[in-house]
């Protein structure tokens, strides 16, 4: 191998090495902690926007910021803004020359801060979550949940309406709705004699159940004045998201007097009356032999 070839390979190796060492710095994550200094002469206006150096720092969750006063005047580092005042996240009180103050460990978020003695001095601390590889798994799980939601089917038989019978004038009526599935959305309307006694839209139920109450009835529930209930399915999905399923599917129910109980009472009275008449007249219902 001649000298020219060796020189070319050496140059190529050097270029690759530089690229490999430079790449991590381009993607380096922020430091957990940071130090901010007071600009010289910042006790008088004119240092804006760099009265704190650096004026904006980014750290990780749980990190801290140390404010070092190298100026000739005392300063504070106070979380908040001059317009709204302190936020309570931290307050150094007066930090004298050649002294420092360190914030408590900070949660994720953005923290504007200022000097209470010299309010033109402002800055910003940004606290960011570290990036994790498991974010992809979380998004995959969310996508899977939405896929399962989209696969849910529904028929009118899957919409159950339970209305209390026997309601009288002046009473409110309880109505329970059960729809097969999760994250169901529906509207419900109840009327009596053409009067709307319940009208609730955009109902959302995580487990498919819901309870509602009508306004007071103006008349007893009867064959002539039944309570008519209609439930309209508005899709599977979270509020604000696109909905899936047979949107517009309806089911109805009607509440009338409890004729079963009334009929039982009438039958009992009739039997007692027959027995009493038979005993009094000594009538026999058995044929004579």
C-alpha atoms as a PDB file:
ATOM      1  CA  UNK A   1       0.000   0.000   0.000  1.00  0.00           C
ATOM      2  CA  UNK A   2       1.544   3.333  -1.073  1.00  0.00           C
ATOM      3  CA  UNK A   3       1.782   6.467   1.059  1.00  0.00           C
ATOM      4  CA  UNK A   4      -0.993   8.216  -0.867  1.00  0.00           C
ATOM      5  CA  UNK A   5      -3.501   5.457  -0.072  1.00  0.00           C
ATOM      6  CA  UNK A   6      -2.497   5.419   3.600  1.00  0.00           C
ATOM      7  CA  UNK A   7      -2.945   9.193   3.822  1.00  0.00           C
ATOM      8  CA  UNK A   8      -6.410   8.996   2.249  1.00  0.00           C
ATOM      9  CA  UNK A   9      -7.513   6.300   4.683  1.00  0.00           C
ATOM     10  CA  UNK A  10      -6.201   8.348   7.609  1.00  0.00           C
ATOM     11  CA  UNK A  11      -8.163  11.414   6.495  1.00  0.00           C
ATOM     12  CA  UNK A  12     -11.325   9.329   6.034  1.00  0.00           C
ATOM     13  CA  UNK A  13     -10.929   7.788   9.487  1.00  0.00           C
ATOM     14  CA  UNK A  14     -10.473  11.236  11.022  1.00  0.00           C
ATOM     15  CA  UNK A  15     -13.646  12.557   9.374  1.00  0.00           C
ATOM     16  CA  UNK A  16     -15.714   9.567  10.578  1.00  0.00           C
ATOM     17  CA  UNK A  17     -14.282   9.933  14.088  1.00  0.00           C
ATOM     18  CA  UNK A  18     -15.206  13.621  14.225  1.00  0.00           C
ATOM     19  CA  UNK A  19     -18.748  12.849  13.051  1.00  0.00           C
ATOM     20  CA  UNK A  20     -19.165  10.132  15.668  1.00  0.00           C
ATOM     21  CA  UNK A  21     -17.960  12.361  18.490  1.00  0.00           C
ATOM     22  CA  UNK A  22     -20.053  15.357  17.353  1.00  0.00           C
ATOM     23  CA  UNK A  23     -23.323  13.459  16.972  1.00  0.00           C
ATOM     24  CA  UNK A  24     -23.989  12.856  20.693  1.00  0.00           C
ATOM     25  CA  UNK A  25     -23.583  16.551  21.503  1.00  0.00           C
ATOM     26  CA  UNK A  26     -26.232  17.423  18.927  1.00  0.00           C
ATOM     27  CA  UNK A  27     -28.694  15.168  20.702  1.00  0.00           C
ATOM     28  CA  UNK A  28     -27.458  15.698  24.278  1.00  0.00           C
ATOM     29  CA  UNK A  29     -30.245  15.995  26.811  1.00  0.00           C
ATOM     30  CA  UNK A  30     -30.466  19.025  29.074  1.00  0.00           C
ATOM     31  CA  UNK A  31     -28.688  19.144  32.405  1.00  0.00           C
ATOM     32  CA  UNK A  32     -30.518  18.364  35.623  1.00  0.00           C
ATOM     33  CA  UNK A  33     -29.269  21.590  37.233  1.00  0.00           C
ATOM     34  CA  UNK A  34     -28.287  25.070  36.080  1.00  0.00           C
ATOM     35  CA  UNK A  35     -26.571  28.227  37.379  1.00  0.00           C
ATOM     36  CA  UNK A  36     -27.803  31.761  36.661  1.00  0.00           C
ATOM     37  CA  UNK A  37     -25.830  34.925  37.453  1.00  0.00           C
ATOM     38  CA  UNK A  38     -26.936  38.523  37.931  1.00  0.00           C
ATOM     39  CA  UNK A  39     -25.619  40.754  35.162  1.00  0.00           C
ATOM     40  CA  UNK A  40     -23.178  43.444  36.262  1.00  0.00           C
ATOM     41  CA  UNK A  41     -25.014  46.729  36.768  1.00  0.00           C
ATOM     42  CA  UNK A  42     -28.446  45.066  36.541  1.00  0.00           C
ATOM     43  CA  UNK A  43     -29.622  47.128  39.536  1.00  0.00           C
ATOM     44  CA  UNK A  44     -30.352  49.899  37.050  1.00  0.00           C
ATOM     45  CA  UNK A  45     -32.531  49.583  33.918  1.00  0.00           C
ATOM     46  CA  UNK A  46     -30.846  48.911  30.601  1.00  0.00           C
ATOM     47  CA  UNK A  47     -29.738  45.316  31.035  1.00  0.00           C
ATOM     48  CA  UNK A  48     -32.953  43.926  29.506  1.00  0.00           C
ATOM     49  CA  UNK A  49     -33.489  41.235  28.358  1.00  0.00           C
ATOM     50  CA  UNK A  50     -30.293  39.723  29.804  1.00  0.00           C
ATOM     51  CA  UNK A  51     -30.380  40.961  33.369  1.00  0.00           C
ATOM     52  CA  UNK A  52     -30.086  37.311  34.408  1.00  0.00           C
ATOM     53  CA  UNK A  53     -27.391  35.348  32.578  1.00  0.00           C
ATOM     54  CA  UNK A  54     -28.642  33.212  30.976  1.00  0.00           C
ATOM     55  CA  UNK A  55     -32.149  34.622  31.107  1.00  0.00           C
ATOM     56  CA  UNK A  56     -33.724  31.269  30.109  1.00  0.00           C
ATOM     57  CA  UNK A  57     -32.500  27.870  31.302  1.00  0.00           C
ATOM     58  CA  UNK A  58     -33.854  24.354  30.757  1.00  0.00           C
ATOM     59  CA  UNK A  59     -33.417  21.574  33.318  1.00  0.00           C
ATOM     60  CA  UNK A  60     -34.845  18.126  34.028  1.00  0.00           C
ATOM     61  CA  UNK A  61     -37.658  17.238  36.408  1.00  0.00           C
ATOM     62  CA  UNK A  62     -36.391  17.302  39.989  1.00  0.00           C
ATOM     63  CA  UNK A  63     -33.527  19.614  39.019  1.00  0.00           C
ATOM     64  CA  UNK A  64     -32.554  22.877  40.713  1.00  0.00           C
ATOM     65  CA  UNK A  65     -31.348  26.319  39.668  1.00  0.00           C
ATOM     66  CA  UNK A  66     -28.674  28.199  41.594  1.00  0.00           C
ATOM     67  CA  UNK A  67     -28.795  31.998  41.401  1.00  0.00           C
ATOM     68  CA  UNK A  68     -25.357  33.508  42.014  1.00  0.00           C
ATOM     69  CA  UNK A  69     -25.118  37.231  42.745  1.00  0.00           C
ATOM     70  CA  UNK A  70     -21.910  38.642  41.289  1.00  0.00           C
ATOM     71  CA  UNK A  71     -23.334  42.154  41.057  1.00  0.00           C
ATOM     72  CA  UNK A  72     -22.534  45.024  43.425  1.00  0.00           C
ATOM     73  CA  UNK A  73     -26.177  45.262  44.606  1.00  0.00           C
ATOM     74  CA  UNK A  74     -28.465  42.863  46.426  1.00  0.00           C
ATOM     75  CA  UNK A  75     -31.086  41.024  44.333  1.00  0.00           C
ATOM     76  CA  UNK A  76     -33.858  38.451  44.714  1.00  0.00           C
ATOM     77  CA  UNK A  77     -34.885  35.529  42.558  1.00  0.00           C
ATOM     78  CA  UNK A  78     -38.638  35.176  42.939  1.00  0.00           C
ATOM     79  CA  UNK A  79     -40.871  32.845  40.940  1.00  0.00           C
ATOM     80  CA  UNK A  80     -43.689  34.793  39.291  1.00  0.00           C
ATOM     81  CA  UNK A  81     -43.989  37.987  37.263  1.00  0.00           C
ATOM     82  CA  UNK A  82     -43.855  41.701  38.120  1.00  0.00           C
ATOM     83  CA  UNK A  83     -47.468  42.041  36.932  1.00  0.00           C
ATOM     84  CA  UNK A  84     -48.948  39.124  38.893  1.00  0.00           C
ATOM     85  CA  UNK A  85     -46.519  38.962  41.805  1.00  0.00           C
ATOM     86  CA  UNK A  86     -44.882  35.885  43.364  1.00  0.00           C
ATOM     87  CA  UNK A  87     -46.240  32.461  42.376  1.00  0.00           C
ATOM     88  CA  UNK A  88     -44.910  30.700  45.474  1.00  0.00           C
ATOM     89  CA  UNK A  89     -42.656  28.210  43.646  1.00  0.00           C
ATOM     90  CA  UNK A  90     -39.606  29.811  45.258  1.00  0.00           C
ATOM     91  CA  UNK A  91     -38.399  33.114  46.716  1.00  0.00           C
ATOM     92  CA  UNK A  92     -34.769  33.730  47.613  1.00  0.00           C
ATOM     93  CA  UNK A  93     -35.373  36.934  49.618  1.00  0.00           C
ATOM     94  CA  UNK A  94     -32.404  39.311  49.364  1.00  0.00           C
ATOM     95  CA  UNK A  95     -29.243  37.664  48.075  1.00  0.00           C
ATOM     96  CA  UNK A  96     -26.229  39.785  48.940  1.00  0.00           C
ATOM     97  CA  UNK A  97     -23.137  40.273  46.749  1.00  0.00           C
ATOM     98  CA  UNK A  98     -21.010  37.107  46.363  1.00  0.00           C
ATOM     99  CA  UNK A  99     -23.842  34.994  47.787  1.00  0.00           C
ATOM    100  CA  UNK A 100     -26.115  32.472  46.089  1.00  0.00           C
ATOM    101  CA  UNK A 101     -29.524  30.879  46.392  1.00  0.00           C
ATOM    102  CA  UNK A 102     -30.675  27.457  45.099  1.00  0.00           C
ATOM    103  CA  UNK A 103     -34.304  26.671  44.304  1.00  0.00           C
ATOM    104  CA  UNK A 104     -36.036  23.564  45.603  1.00  0.00           C
ATOM    105  CA  UNK A 105     -36.383  20.570  43.255  1.00  0.00           C
ATOM    106  CA  UNK A 106     -38.823  21.592  40.537  1.00  0.00           C
ATOM    107  CA  UNK A 107     -41.664  19.748  38.812  1.00  0.00           C
ATOM    108  CA  UNK A 108     -42.255  19.814  35.061  1.00  0.00           C
ATOM    109  CA  UNK A 109     -43.484  23.159  33.741  1.00  0.00           C
ATOM    110  CA  UNK A 110     -42.413  26.704  32.971  1.00  0.00           C
ATOM    111  CA  UNK A 111     -41.467  29.070  35.768  1.00  0.00           C
ATOM    112  CA  UNK A 112     -41.120  32.796  35.001  1.00  0.00           C
ATOM    113  CA  UNK A 113     -39.189  34.680  37.679  1.00  0.00           C
ATOM    114  CA  UNK A 114     -38.030  38.219  38.482  1.00  0.00           C
ATOM    115  CA  UNK A 115     -36.185  40.372  40.998  1.00  0.00           C
ATOM    116  CA  UNK A 116     -38.597  41.975  43.456  1.00  0.00           C
ATOM    117  CA  UNK A 117     -36.162  44.846  44.076  1.00  0.00           C
ATOM    118  CA  UNK A 118     -35.503  45.468  40.381  1.00  0.00           C
ATOM    119  CA  UNK A 119     -38.652  44.297  38.504  1.00  0.00           C
ATOM    120  CA  UNK A 120     -37.151  44.910  35.056  1.00  0.00           C
ATOM    121  CA  UNK A 121     -34.991  41.845  35.737  1.00  0.00           C
ATOM    122  CA  UNK A 122     -36.938  38.834  34.460  1.00  0.00           C
ATOM    123  CA  UNK A 123     -36.130  35.294  33.332  1.00  0.00           C
ATOM    124  CA  UNK A 124     -37.597  31.849  32.692  1.00  0.00           C
ATOM    125  CA  UNK A 125     -36.868  28.345  33.989  1.00  0.00           C
ATOM    126  CA  UNK A 126     -38.167  25.476  31.844  1.00  0.00           C
ATOM    127  CA  UNK A 127     -38.419  22.046  33.470  1.00  0.00           C
ATOM    128  CA  UNK A 128     -38.869  19.200  30.992  1.00  0.00           C
ATOM    129  CA  UNK A 129     -39.581  15.502  31.299  1.00  0.00           C
ATOM    130  CA  UNK A 130     -36.821  13.252  30.019  1.00  0.00           C
ATOM    131  CA  UNK A 131     -37.675  11.389  26.827  1.00  0.00           C
ATOM    132  CA  UNK A 132     -38.318   7.647  27.244  1.00  0.00           C
ATOM    133  CA  UNK A 133     -38.551   4.804  24.785  1.00  0.00           C
ATOM    134  CA  UNK A 134     -41.745   3.522  26.401  1.00  0.00           C
ATOM    135  CA  UNK A 135     -43.734   6.429  24.939  1.00  0.00           C
ATOM    136  CA  UNK A 136     -44.132   4.366  21.806  1.00  0.00           C
ATOM    137  CA  UNK A 137     -45.641   1.545  23.845  1.00  0.00           C
ATOM    138  CA  UNK A 138     -48.103   3.956  25.472  1.00  0.00           C
ATOM    139  CA  UNK A 139     -49.231   5.256  22.080  1.00  0.00           C
ATOM    140  CA  UNK A 140     -49.572   1.677  20.836  1.00  0.00           C
ATOM    141  CA  UNK A 141     -51.807   0.814  23.809  1.00  0.00           C
ATOM    142  CA  UNK A 142     -53.972   3.899  23.169  1.00  0.00           C
ATOM    143  CA  UNK A 143     -54.293   2.923  19.501  1.00  0.00           C
ATOM    144  CA  UNK A 144     -55.272  -0.591  20.534  1.00  0.00           C
ATOM    145  CA  UNK A 145     -57.934   0.743  22.923  1.00  0.00           C
ATOM    146  CA  UNK A 146     -59.386   2.925  20.153  1.00  0.00           C
ATOM    147  CA  UNK A 147     -59.345  -0.060  17.769  1.00  0.00           C
ATOM    148  CA  UNK A 148     -61.329  -2.137  20.256  1.00  0.00           C
ATOM    149  CA  UNK A 149     -63.758   0.775  20.666  1.00  0.00           C
ATOM    150  CA  UNK A 150     -64.262   0.937  16.900  1.00  0.00           C
ATOM    151  CA  UNK A 151     -64.984  -2.812  16.763  1.00  0.00           C
ATOM    152  CA  UNK A 152     -67.970  -2.544  19.134  1.00  0.00           C
ATOM    153  CA  UNK A 153     -71.342  -3.197  17.490  1.00  0.00           C
ATOM    154  CA  UNK A 154     -74.847  -2.363  18.666  1.00  0.00           C
ATOM    155  CA  UNK A 155     -78.492  -3.163  17.921  1.00  0.00           C
ATOM    156  CA  UNK A 156     -81.721  -1.694  19.284  1.00  0.00           C
ATOM    157  CA  UNK A 157     -81.992  -4.716  21.597  1.00  0.00           C
ATOM    158  CA  UNK A 158     -78.743  -3.614  23.255  1.00  0.00           C
ATOM    159  CA  UNK A 159     -80.399  -0.377  24.422  1.00  0.00           C
ATOM    160  CA  UNK A 160     -82.399  -1.100  27.595  1.00  0.00           C
ATOM    161  CA  UNK A 161     -84.810   1.453  29.098  1.00  0.00           C
ATOM    162  CA  UNK A 162     -86.305   0.935  32.557  1.00  0.00           C
ATOM    163  CA  UNK A 163     -89.163   3.315  33.457  1.00  0.00           C
ATOM    164  CA  UNK A 164     -90.989   3.196  36.788  1.00  0.00           C
ATOM    165  CA  UNK A 165     -94.709   2.388  36.316  1.00  0.00           C
ATOM    166  CA  UNK A 166     -97.634   3.755  38.284  1.00  0.00           C
ATOM    167  CA  UNK A 167     -96.559   7.395  38.458  1.00  0.00           C
ATOM    168  CA  UNK A 168     -99.186   9.932  39.459  1.00  0.00           C
ATOM    169  CA  UNK A 169     -99.564  13.652  38.837  1.00  0.00           C
ATOM    170  CA  UNK A 170     -96.989  15.762  40.650  1.00  0.00           C
ATOM    171  CA  UNK A 171     -94.461  12.924  40.862  1.00  0.00           C
ATOM    172  CA  UNK A 172     -91.102  12.649  39.123  1.00  0.00           C
ATOM    173  CA  UNK A 173     -90.239   9.456  37.277  1.00  0.00           C
ATOM    174  CA  UNK A 174     -86.878   7.669  37.390  1.00  0.00           C
ATOM    175  CA  UNK A 175     -85.557   6.331  34.087  1.00  0.00           C
ATOM    176  CA  UNK A 176     -82.513   4.034  33.899  1.00  0.00           C
ATOM    177  CA  UNK A 177     -80.663   3.436  30.629  1.00  0.00           C
ATOM    178  CA  UNK A 178     -78.277   0.558  29.896  1.00  0.00           C
ATOM    179  CA  UNK A 179     -76.378   0.360  26.594  1.00  0.00           C
ATOM    180  CA  UNK A 180     -74.053  -2.558  25.822  1.00  0.00           C
ATOM    181  CA  UNK A 181     -70.479  -1.313  25.514  1.00  0.00           C
ATOM    182  CA  UNK A 182     -68.065   1.224  26.983  1.00  0.00           C
ATOM    183  CA  UNK A 183     -67.732   4.963  26.434  1.00  0.00           C
ATOM    184  CA  UNK A 184     -71.259   5.234  25.051  1.00  0.00           C
ATOM    185  CA  UNK A 185     -72.902   8.515  24.092  1.00  0.00           C
ATOM    186  CA  UNK A 186     -76.655   9.026  23.820  1.00  0.00           C
ATOM    187  CA  UNK A 187     -79.593  11.437  23.951  1.00  0.00           C
ATOM    188  CA  UNK A 188     -82.769  10.782  25.946  1.00  0.00           C
ATOM    189  CA  UNK A 189     -86.204  12.396  25.584  1.00  0.00           C
ATOM    190  CA  UNK A 190     -89.388  11.669  27.566  1.00  0.00           C
ATOM    191  CA  UNK A 191     -92.829  13.139  26.859  1.00  0.00           C
ATOM    192  CA  UNK A 192     -96.361  12.915  28.248  1.00  0.00           C
ATOM    193  CA  UNK A 193     -99.411  14.288  26.439  1.00  0.00           C
ATOM    194  CA  UNK A 194     -97.082  16.078  24.012  1.00  0.00           C
ATOM    195  CA  UNK A 195     -95.239  17.810  26.868  1.00  0.00           C
ATOM    196  CA  UNK A 196     -91.475  17.261  27.181  1.00  0.00           C
ATOM    197  CA  UNK A 197     -90.678  16.150  30.717  1.00  0.00           C
ATOM    198  CA  UNK A 198     -87.052  15.124  30.048  1.00  0.00           C
ATOM    199  CA  UNK A 199     -84.618  16.203  27.333  1.00  0.00           C
ATOM    200  CA  UNK A 200     -80.902  15.520  27.893  1.00  0.00           C
ATOM    201  CA  UNK A 201     -78.347  15.430  25.081  1.00  0.00           C
ATOM    202  CA  UNK A 202     -74.667  14.468  24.898  1.00  0.00           C
ATOM    203  CA  UNK A 203     -74.819  12.000  27.767  1.00  0.00           C
ATOM    204  CA  UNK A 204     -71.564  10.026  28.144  1.00  0.00           C
ATOM    205  CA  UNK A 205     -71.177   6.847  30.197  1.00  0.00           C
ATOM    206  CA  UNK A 206     -67.939   4.950  30.718  1.00  0.00           C
ATOM    207  CA  UNK A 207     -69.693   1.656  31.546  1.00  0.00           C
ATOM    208  CA  UNK A 208     -72.850   2.112  29.446  1.00  0.00           C
ATOM    209  CA  UNK A 209     -75.285   2.924  32.270  1.00  0.00           C
ATOM    210  CA  UNK A 210     -77.105   6.141  33.109  1.00  0.00           C
ATOM    211  CA  UNK A 211     -79.872   7.353  35.448  1.00  0.00           C
ATOM    212  CA  UNK A 212     -82.266  10.214  34.701  1.00  0.00           C
ATOM    213  CA  UNK A 213     -85.283  11.844  36.353  1.00  0.00           C
ATOM    214  CA  UNK A 214     -88.199  13.563  34.647  1.00  0.00           C
ATOM    215  CA  UNK A 215     -89.833  16.764  35.779  1.00  0.00           C
ATOM    216  CA  UNK A 216     -93.072  16.483  37.779  1.00  0.00           C
ATOM    217  CA  UNK A 217     -95.926  14.916  35.817  1.00  0.00           C
ATOM    218  CA  UNK A 218     -98.936  17.043  34.990  1.00  0.00           C
ATOM    219  CA  UNK A 219    -101.240  13.982  34.952  1.00  0.00           C
ATOM    220  CA  UNK A 220    -101.346  10.398  36.156  1.00  0.00           C
ATOM    221  CA  UNK A 221     -99.672   7.910  33.851  1.00  0.00           C
ATOM    222  CA  UNK A 222    -102.491   6.030  32.085  1.00  0.00           C
ATOM    223  CA  UNK A 223    -103.476   4.503  28.773  1.00  0.00           C
ATOM    224  CA  UNK A 224    -104.570   7.962  27.691  1.00  0.00           C
ATOM    225  CA  UNK A 225    -101.523   9.691  29.205  1.00  0.00           C
ATOM    226  CA  UNK A 226     -98.547   7.318  28.978  1.00  0.00           C
ATOM    227  CA  UNK A 227     -94.932   8.354  29.434  1.00  0.00           C
ATOM    228  CA  UNK A 228     -93.047   7.835  26.158  1.00  0.00           C
ATOM    229  CA  UNK A 229     -89.255   7.542  26.322  1.00  0.00           C
ATOM    230  CA  UNK A 230     -86.832   7.555  23.366  1.00  0.00           C
ATOM    231  CA  UNK A 231     -83.078   6.895  23.644  1.00  0.00           C
ATOM    232  CA  UNK A 232     -80.926   7.775  20.618  1.00  0.00           C
ATOM    233  CA  UNK A 233     -77.421   6.296  20.427  1.00  0.00           C
ATOM    234  CA  UNK A 234     -74.755   8.836  19.435  1.00  0.00           C
ATOM    235  CA  UNK A 235     -71.732   6.557  19.079  1.00  0.00           C
ATOM    236  CA  UNK A 236     -68.844   5.013  20.969  1.00  0.00           C
ATOM    237  CA  UNK A 237     -65.978   7.324  21.923  1.00  0.00           C
ATOM    238  CA  UNK A 238     -64.683   9.887  24.372  1.00  0.00           C
ATOM    239  CA  UNK A 239     -66.295  13.349  24.472  1.00  0.00           C
ATOM    240  CA  UNK A 240     -64.736  15.566  21.825  1.00  0.00           C
ATOM    241  CA  UNK A 241     -63.394  12.607  19.789  1.00  0.00           C
ATOM    242  CA  UNK A 242     -64.800  11.141  16.601  1.00  0.00           C
ATOM    243  CA  UNK A 243     -67.566   8.629  17.360  1.00  0.00           C
ATOM    244  CA  UNK A 244     -68.038   5.130  15.950  1.00  0.00           C
ATOM    245  CA  UNK A 245     -70.935   2.694  15.766  1.00  0.00           C
ATOM    246  CA  UNK A 246     -74.517   2.972  14.488  1.00  0.00           C
ATOM    247  CA  UNK A 247     -75.067   6.638  15.328  1.00  0.00           C
ATOM    248  CA  UNK A 248     -78.784   7.488  15.300  1.00  0.00           C
ATOM    249  CA  UNK A 249     -79.936   4.038  16.461  1.00  0.00           C
ATOM    250  CA  UNK A 250     -82.987   4.396  18.750  1.00  0.00           C
ATOM    251  CA  UNK A 251     -85.081   2.403  21.180  1.00  0.00           C
ATOM    252  CA  UNK A 252     -88.311   3.391  22.926  1.00  0.00           C
ATOM    253  CA  UNK A 253     -90.244   2.501  26.074  1.00  0.00           C
ATOM    254  CA  UNK A 254     -93.607   3.447  27.587  1.00  0.00           C
ATOM    255  CA  UNK A 255     -94.728   3.654  31.219  1.00  0.00           C
ATOM    256  CA  UNK A 256     -98.406   3.061  32.128  1.00  0.00           C
ATOM    257  CA  UNK A 257    -100.248   2.224  35.387  1.00  0.00           C
ATOM    258  CA  UNK A 258     -99.379  -1.005  37.199  1.00  0.00           C
ATOM    259  CA  UNK A 259    -102.322  -3.001  35.878  1.00  0.00           C
ATOM    260  CA  UNK A 260    -100.932  -6.237  37.280  1.00  0.00           C
ATOM    261  CA  UNK A 261    -101.337  -5.086  40.868  1.00  0.00           C
ATOM    262  CA  UNK A 262    -104.753  -3.536  40.198  1.00  0.00           C
ATOM    263  CA  UNK A 263    -105.985  -6.687  38.507  1.00  0.00           C
ATOM    264  CA  UNK A 264    -104.827  -8.775  41.474  1.00  0.00           C
ATOM    265  CA  UNK A 265    -106.781  -6.578  43.898  1.00  0.00           C
ATOM    266  CA  UNK A 266    -109.938  -6.746  41.749  1.00  0.00           C
ATOM    267  CA  UNK A 267    -109.673 -10.530  41.495  1.00  0.00           C
ATOM    268  CA  UNK A 268    -109.240 -10.899  45.278  1.00  0.00           C
ATOM    269  CA  UNK A 269    -112.311  -8.715  45.937  1.00  0.00           C
ATOM    270  CA  UNK A 270    -114.334 -10.740  43.450  1.00  0.00           C
ATOM    271  CA  UNK A 271    -113.403 -14.047  45.081  1.00  0.00           C
ATOM    272  CA  UNK A 272    -114.270 -12.771  48.559  1.00  0.00           C
ATOM    273  CA  UNK A 273    -117.608 -11.493  47.274  1.00  0.00           C
ATOM    274  CA  UNK A 274    -118.481 -14.864  45.699  1.00  0.00           C
ATOM    275  CA  UNK A 275    -117.629 -16.727  48.900  1.00  0.00           C
ATOM    276  CA  UNK A 276    -119.743 -14.357  50.966  1.00  0.00           C
ATOM    277  CA  UNK A 277    -122.744 -14.669  48.642  1.00  0.00           C
ATOM    278  CA  UNK A 278    -122.428 -18.460  48.560  1.00  0.00           C
ATOM    279  CA  UNK A 279    -122.341 -18.746  52.336  1.00  0.00           C
ATOM    280  CA  UNK A 280    -125.372 -16.513  52.738  1.00  0.00           C
ATOM    281  CA  UNK A 281    -127.557 -18.192  50.162  1.00  0.00           C
ATOM    282  CA  UNK A 282    -126.248 -21.704  50.816  1.00  0.00           C
ATOM    283  CA  UNK A 283    -125.766 -22.060  47.098  1.00  0.00           C
ATOM    284  CA  UNK A 284    -123.790 -24.964  45.840  1.00  0.00           C
ATOM    285  CA  UNK A 285    -121.783 -24.812  42.695  1.00  0.00           C
ATOM    286  CA  UNK A 286    -121.550 -28.583  42.555  1.00  0.00           C
ATOM    287  CA  UNK A 287    -124.129 -30.432  40.433  1.00  0.00           C
ATOM    288  CA  UNK A 288    -126.569 -32.635  42.339  1.00  0.00           C
ATOM    289  CA  UNK A 289    -126.382 -36.428  41.846  1.00  0.00           C
END
